[in-house]
N, C-alpha and C. Protein backbone atom coordinates (compact mmCIF):
# COMPACT_ATOMS: atom_id res chain seq x y z
N MET A 1 2.28 -20.75 -2.68
CA MET A 1 1.06 -21.23 -3.26
C MET A 1 1.02 -20.75 -4.72
N HIS A 2 0.79 -21.66 -5.62
CA HIS A 2 0.69 -21.33 -7.04
C HIS A 2 -0.69 -21.70 -7.53
N LEU A 3 -1.40 -20.71 -8.04
CA LEU A 3 -2.76 -20.92 -8.54
C LEU A 3 -2.87 -20.37 -9.95
N PRO A 4 -3.78 -20.91 -10.73
CA PRO A 4 -4.06 -20.29 -12.03
C PRO A 4 -4.58 -18.87 -11.81
N PRO A 5 -4.37 -17.97 -12.78
CA PRO A 5 -4.74 -16.56 -12.58
C PRO A 5 -6.17 -16.33 -12.12
N GLU A 6 -7.13 -16.99 -12.72
CA GLU A 6 -8.52 -16.75 -12.32
C GLU A 6 -8.78 -17.21 -10.89
N GLN A 7 -8.27 -18.34 -10.53
CA GLN A 7 -8.45 -18.84 -9.16
C GLN A 7 -7.73 -17.92 -8.16
N ALA A 8 -6.56 -17.44 -8.51
CA ALA A 8 -5.83 -16.51 -7.64
C ALA A 8 -6.63 -15.22 -7.45
N PHE A 9 -7.26 -14.75 -8.51
CA PHE A 9 -8.09 -13.55 -8.41
C PHE A 9 -9.21 -13.75 -7.41
N TRP A 10 -9.91 -14.88 -7.49
CA TRP A 10 -11.04 -15.12 -6.59
C TRP A 10 -10.59 -15.33 -5.15
N VAL A 11 -9.41 -15.89 -4.95
CA VAL A 11 -8.85 -15.99 -3.60
C VAL A 11 -8.58 -14.59 -3.06
N PHE A 12 -8.01 -13.72 -3.91
CA PHE A 12 -7.75 -12.33 -3.52
C PHE A 12 -9.04 -11.61 -3.15
N VAL A 13 -10.08 -11.80 -3.95
CA VAL A 13 -11.38 -11.18 -3.67
C VAL A 13 -11.91 -11.66 -2.32
N GLN A 14 -11.84 -12.96 -2.09
CA GLN A 14 -12.35 -13.52 -0.84
C GLN A 14 -11.57 -12.99 0.37
N ILE A 15 -10.26 -12.89 0.25
CA ILE A 15 -9.45 -12.35 1.34
C ILE A 15 -9.87 -10.91 1.64
N ASN A 16 -10.06 -10.11 0.60
CA ASN A 16 -10.48 -8.72 0.80
C ASN A 16 -11.85 -8.62 1.44
N GLU A 17 -12.77 -9.49 1.07
CA GLU A 17 -14.11 -9.43 1.64
C GLU A 17 -14.16 -9.95 3.07
N GLU A 18 -13.33 -10.91 3.41
CA GLU A 18 -13.40 -11.52 4.73
C GLU A 18 -12.45 -10.89 5.76
N TYR A 19 -11.24 -10.54 5.35
CA TYR A 19 -10.22 -10.17 6.31
C TYR A 19 -9.86 -8.68 6.32
N VAL A 20 -10.02 -8.01 5.21
CA VAL A 20 -9.67 -6.59 5.17
C VAL A 20 -10.86 -5.76 4.70
N LYS A 21 -12.00 -6.12 5.19
CA LYS A 21 -13.24 -5.42 4.82
C LYS A 21 -13.13 -3.93 5.13
N GLY A 22 -13.45 -3.10 4.16
CA GLY A 22 -13.42 -1.66 4.35
C GLY A 22 -12.08 -1.01 4.07
N TYR A 23 -11.04 -1.81 3.88
CA TYR A 23 -9.71 -1.23 3.66
C TYR A 23 -9.67 -0.42 2.37
N PHE A 24 -10.35 -0.89 1.35
CA PHE A 24 -10.36 -0.20 0.07
C PHE A 24 -11.66 0.55 -0.14
N SER A 25 -12.23 1.10 0.92
CA SER A 25 -13.50 1.82 0.82
C SER A 25 -13.28 3.20 0.18
N ASP A 26 -14.38 3.91 -0.04
CA ASP A 26 -14.33 5.24 -0.66
C ASP A 26 -13.36 6.15 0.10
N GLY A 27 -12.57 6.87 -0.64
CA GLY A 27 -11.61 7.79 -0.04
C GLY A 27 -10.29 7.14 0.33
N LEU A 28 -10.26 5.83 0.41
CA LEU A 28 -9.05 5.07 0.73
C LEU A 28 -8.34 5.57 1.99
N MET A 29 -9.11 5.93 3.00
CA MET A 29 -8.51 6.47 4.22
C MET A 29 -7.56 5.47 4.88
N ALA A 30 -7.91 4.20 4.91
CA ALA A 30 -7.04 3.21 5.54
C ALA A 30 -5.74 3.06 4.76
N VAL A 31 -5.82 3.10 3.44
CA VAL A 31 -4.62 3.01 2.60
C VAL A 31 -3.74 4.24 2.84
N LYS A 32 -4.34 5.41 2.89
CA LYS A 32 -3.59 6.64 3.12
C LYS A 32 -2.92 6.63 4.50
N GLU A 33 -3.63 6.14 5.51
CA GLU A 33 -3.06 6.06 6.85
C GLU A 33 -1.87 5.10 6.87
N ASP A 34 -2.00 3.97 6.19
CA ASP A 34 -0.89 3.02 6.16
C ASP A 34 0.30 3.58 5.39
N ALA A 35 0.05 4.32 4.31
CA ALA A 35 1.14 4.94 3.56
C ALA A 35 1.87 5.95 4.44
N LEU A 36 1.12 6.75 5.20
CA LEU A 36 1.73 7.72 6.10
C LEU A 36 2.51 7.02 7.22
N ALA A 37 1.93 5.97 7.78
CA ALA A 37 2.61 5.22 8.84
C ALA A 37 3.91 4.60 8.32
N THR A 38 3.88 4.09 7.10
CA THR A 38 5.09 3.52 6.50
C THR A 38 6.15 4.59 6.32
N GLU A 39 5.73 5.75 5.83
CA GLU A 39 6.67 6.86 5.65
C GLU A 39 7.30 7.26 6.98
N LEU A 40 6.49 7.42 8.01
CA LEU A 40 7.01 7.83 9.32
C LEU A 40 7.92 6.76 9.92
N LEU A 41 7.58 5.50 9.73
CA LEU A 41 8.40 4.42 10.26
C LEU A 41 9.76 4.37 9.58
N ILE A 42 9.78 4.51 8.26
CA ILE A 42 11.06 4.53 7.55
C ILE A 42 11.89 5.72 7.99
N GLN A 43 11.22 6.86 8.15
CA GLN A 43 11.92 8.08 8.58
C GLN A 43 12.53 7.89 9.97
N LYS A 44 11.81 7.23 10.88
CA LYS A 44 12.29 7.03 12.25
C LYS A 44 13.42 6.00 12.30
N ILE A 45 13.26 4.91 11.56
CA ILE A 45 14.23 3.82 11.65
C ILE A 45 15.52 4.14 10.89
N SER A 46 15.39 4.76 9.72
CA SER A 46 16.58 5.02 8.91
C SER A 46 16.44 6.37 8.22
N SER A 47 16.96 7.40 8.86
CA SER A 47 16.84 8.72 8.26
C SER A 47 17.61 8.79 6.94
N ARG A 48 18.72 8.08 6.87
CA ARG A 48 19.49 8.05 5.62
C ARG A 48 18.69 7.36 4.51
N GLY A 49 18.08 6.24 4.83
CA GLY A 49 17.25 5.53 3.86
C GLY A 49 16.05 6.36 3.46
N TYR A 50 15.47 7.05 4.41
CA TYR A 50 14.32 7.92 4.12
C TYR A 50 14.70 9.02 3.15
N ARG A 51 15.83 9.68 3.42
CA ARG A 51 16.29 10.74 2.51
C ARG A 51 16.55 10.20 1.11
N LEU A 52 17.12 9.03 1.03
CA LEU A 52 17.39 8.41 -0.26
C LEU A 52 16.09 8.18 -1.03
N LEU A 53 15.09 7.63 -0.34
CA LEU A 53 13.81 7.36 -1.00
C LEU A 53 13.11 8.65 -1.41
N VAL A 54 13.16 9.66 -0.55
CA VAL A 54 12.49 10.92 -0.87
C VAL A 54 13.21 11.63 -2.01
N ASN A 55 14.52 11.67 -1.95
CA ASN A 55 15.29 12.36 -3.00
C ASN A 55 15.11 11.70 -4.37
N ARG A 56 14.93 10.41 -4.37
CA ARG A 56 14.78 9.70 -5.64
C ARG A 56 13.33 9.40 -5.98
N ASN A 57 12.42 9.81 -5.10
CA ASN A 57 10.98 9.65 -5.33
C ASN A 57 10.56 8.21 -5.59
N HIS A 58 11.23 7.25 -5.01
CA HIS A 58 10.90 5.86 -5.30
C HIS A 58 9.59 5.41 -4.67
N ILE A 59 9.63 5.16 -3.39
CA ILE A 59 8.49 4.51 -2.74
C ILE A 59 7.31 5.46 -2.58
N PHE A 60 7.55 6.71 -2.33
CA PHE A 60 6.45 7.63 -2.08
C PHE A 60 5.71 7.99 -3.36
N GLN A 61 6.42 8.00 -4.47
CA GLN A 61 5.77 8.24 -5.75
C GLN A 61 4.78 7.11 -6.03
N PHE A 62 5.15 5.89 -5.65
CA PHE A 62 4.25 4.76 -5.82
C PHE A 62 2.99 4.94 -4.98
N PHE A 63 3.15 5.31 -3.71
CA PHE A 63 1.98 5.51 -2.85
C PHE A 63 1.08 6.61 -3.38
N ILE A 64 1.67 7.71 -3.80
CA ILE A 64 0.88 8.84 -4.30
C ILE A 64 0.13 8.46 -5.56
N SER A 65 0.81 7.81 -6.50
CA SER A 65 0.13 7.44 -7.74
C SER A 65 -0.94 6.39 -7.49
N MET A 66 -0.72 5.50 -6.54
CA MET A 66 -1.73 4.48 -6.22
C MET A 66 -2.98 5.14 -5.65
N ILE A 67 -2.82 6.09 -4.77
CA ILE A 67 -3.95 6.76 -4.16
C ILE A 67 -4.70 7.61 -5.18
N LEU A 68 -3.96 8.33 -6.04
CA LEU A 68 -4.60 9.16 -7.04
C LEU A 68 -5.33 8.33 -8.08
N PHE A 69 -4.85 7.12 -8.35
CA PHE A 69 -5.47 6.24 -9.34
C PHE A 69 -6.92 5.92 -8.93
N PHE A 70 -7.11 5.69 -7.64
CA PHE A 70 -8.45 5.33 -7.16
C PHE A 70 -9.24 6.58 -6.92
């Protein structure tokens, strides 16, 4: 689906209000839980991949900075 930027923004807003209500609430608990679940899943499925990501701070640095930003 290709939309002009403003229309895409309003579609994103509507999706957040209708389907993921509360996901971005104060404290971002749902976001933090999903980040932790993602970390644990990667660790369980691929310990080698997990070590690579942790050692290079790729994916987890993104989660941490995203949470601290809000």
